[in-house]
Amino acid sequence: MQFFRITSLCFAQTMPMVWRVLIMLNQIQTLHVPDLCIEDLPIAYRLRSHSNSRFLLFSTSSNPLILKASKNEGGWQLKFFFIRRDSIPKGNSLPVKWLTSGRV
């Protein structure tokens, strides 16, 4: 959540690889490096626009912190679905307009 507060992006604007990196960073923090925080992310990644105001994290190193984060799992489309905003509690308060640039 802290990543989304800092960047002012909404969840749907992030490409699946962003989620993989964030989940793996959370696991690394939980299991191995408790003082790792989201503010450390720009050391290894830069936020980049990827068509239609979608964003991904671009590795700034030839040896990325999270390996294969940019590779999609086969059949990933079958795991996603769309719902109406008004069908979930407080859904109408979710962002309607996507940002055209992010901040990291």
Protein backbone atom coordinates (compact mmCIF):
# COMPACT_ATOMS: atom_id res chain seq x y z
CA MET A 1 0.00 0.00 0.00
CA GLN A 2 2.86 2.34 0.75
CA PHE A 3 4.07 2.06 -2.88
CA PHE A 4 0.67 3.24 -4.12
CA ARG A 5 0.53 6.10 -1.61
CA ILE A 6 4.01 7.30 -2.63
CA THR A 7 3.46 7.01 -6.40
CA SER A 8 -0.21 8.12 -6.40
CA LEU A 9 -0.97 5.28 -8.83
CA CYS A 10 -4.07 3.13 -8.58
CA PHE A 11 -3.78 -0.66 -8.50
CA ALA A 12 -5.07 -1.16 -12.04
CA GLN A 13 -2.38 1.08 -13.51
CA THR A 14 0.41 -1.31 -12.56
CA MET A 15 1.53 -4.11 -14.79
CA PRO A 16 1.64 -7.63 -13.28
CA MET A 17 5.43 -7.45 -12.94
CA VAL A 18 5.04 -4.57 -10.47
CA TRP A 19 2.91 -6.79 -8.26
CA ARG A 20 5.51 -9.58 -8.49
CA VAL A 21 8.31 -7.22 -7.46
CA LEU A 22 6.28 -5.76 -4.58
CA ILE A 23 5.25 -9.19 -3.29
CA MET A 24 8.82 -10.49 -3.48
CA LEU A 25 10.19 -7.39 -1.73
CA ASN A 26 7.65 -7.92 1.02
CA GLN A 27 8.79 -11.54 1.39
CA ILE A 28 12.45 -10.51 1.46
CA GLN A 29 11.66 -7.95 4.14
CA THR A 30 9.59 -10.38 6.20
CA LEU A 31 12.04 -13.28 6.03
CA HIS A 32 15.50 -11.80 5.65
CA VAL A 33 15.89 -8.00 5.78
CA PRO A 34 13.48 -6.41 8.27
CA ASP A 35 14.84 -2.90 7.72
CA LEU A 36 14.15 -3.00 3.94
CA CYS A 37 11.51 -0.41 3.05
CA ILE A 38 9.72 0.82 -0.05
CA GLU A 39 11.93 3.90 -0.10
CA ASP A 40 14.81 1.52 -1.03
CA LEU A 41 13.05 0.49 -4.25
CA PRO A 42 14.58 3.27 -6.43
CA ILE A 43 18.03 1.80 -5.76
CA ALA A 44 17.15 -1.14 -8.03
CA TYR A 45 14.13 0.01 -10.08
CA ARG A 46 12.69 3.02 -11.88
CA LEU A 47 9.01 3.54 -12.58
CA ARG A 48 8.26 3.64 -16.30
CA SER A 49 5.15 4.37 -18.34
CA HIS A 50 3.94 1.53 -20.55
CA SER A 51 1.17 2.68 -22.92
CA ASN A 52 -2.25 3.92 -21.83
CA SER A 53 -1.02 5.21 -18.46
CA ARG A 54 0.06 1.77 -17.27
CA PHE A 55 3.30 1.47 -15.37
CA LEU A 56 6.07 -1.05 -14.79
CA LEU A 57 9.28 -1.13 -12.80
CA PHE A 58 12.39 -1.02 -14.96
CA SER A 59 15.50 -2.61 -13.45
CA THR A 60 18.41 -0.18 -13.25
CA SER A 61 20.94 -3.00 -13.04
CA SER A 62 22.04 -5.82 -15.32
CA ASN A 63 21.51 -8.06 -12.28
CA PRO A 64 17.95 -7.29 -11.15
CA LEU A 65 17.01 -7.68 -7.51
CA ILE A 66 14.07 -9.94 -8.42
CA LEU A 67 14.85 -12.39 -11.22
CA LYS A 68 12.27 -13.07 -13.95
CA ALA A 69 9.84 -10.48 -12.56
CA SER A 70 9.13 -9.19 -16.05
CA LYS A 71 8.19 -12.64 -17.41
CA ASN A 72 4.46 -13.39 -17.30
CA GLU A 73 3.25 -16.70 -15.98
CA GLY A 74 1.52 -18.76 -18.66
CA GLY A 75 -2.27 -18.46 -18.65
CA TRP A 76 -2.29 -15.39 -16.39
CA GLN A 77 -5.29 -13.94 -18.28
CA LEU A 78 -7.48 -16.73 -16.89
CA LYS A 79 -6.79 -15.56 -13.32
CA PHE A 80 -8.12 -12.00 -13.76
CA PHE A 81 -11.66 -10.71 -13.94
CA PHE A 82 -13.45 -7.37 -14.02
CA ILE A 83 -16.13 -6.16 -11.65
CA ARG A 84 -18.30 -3.08 -11.42
CA ARG A 85 -17.07 -0.48 -8.96
CA ASP A 86 -20.47 -0.15 -7.34
CA SER A 87 -20.58 -3.90 -6.63
CA ILE A 88 -17.95 -3.71 -3.86
CA PRO A 89 -18.09 -1.84 -0.54
CA LYS A 90 -16.91 1.76 -1.00
CA GLY A 91 -16.21 0.99 -4.66
CA ASN A 92 -17.57 4.34 -5.77
CA SER A 93 -14.76 6.03 -3.85
CA LEU A 94 -12.08 4.26 -5.94
CA PRO A 95 -10.17 6.46 -8.43
CA VAL A 96 -12.01 7.01 -11.70
CA LYS A 97 -9.21 8.70 -13.62
CA TRP A 98 -5.75 7.27 -14.08
CA LEU A 99 -2.66 9.39 -13.65
CA THR A 100 -0.47 9.95 -16.67
CA SER A 101 2.77 9.98 -14.65
CA GLY A 102 3.95 8.45 -11.41
CA ARG A 103 6.35 9.47 -8.68
CA VAL A 104 9.05 7.28 -7.12
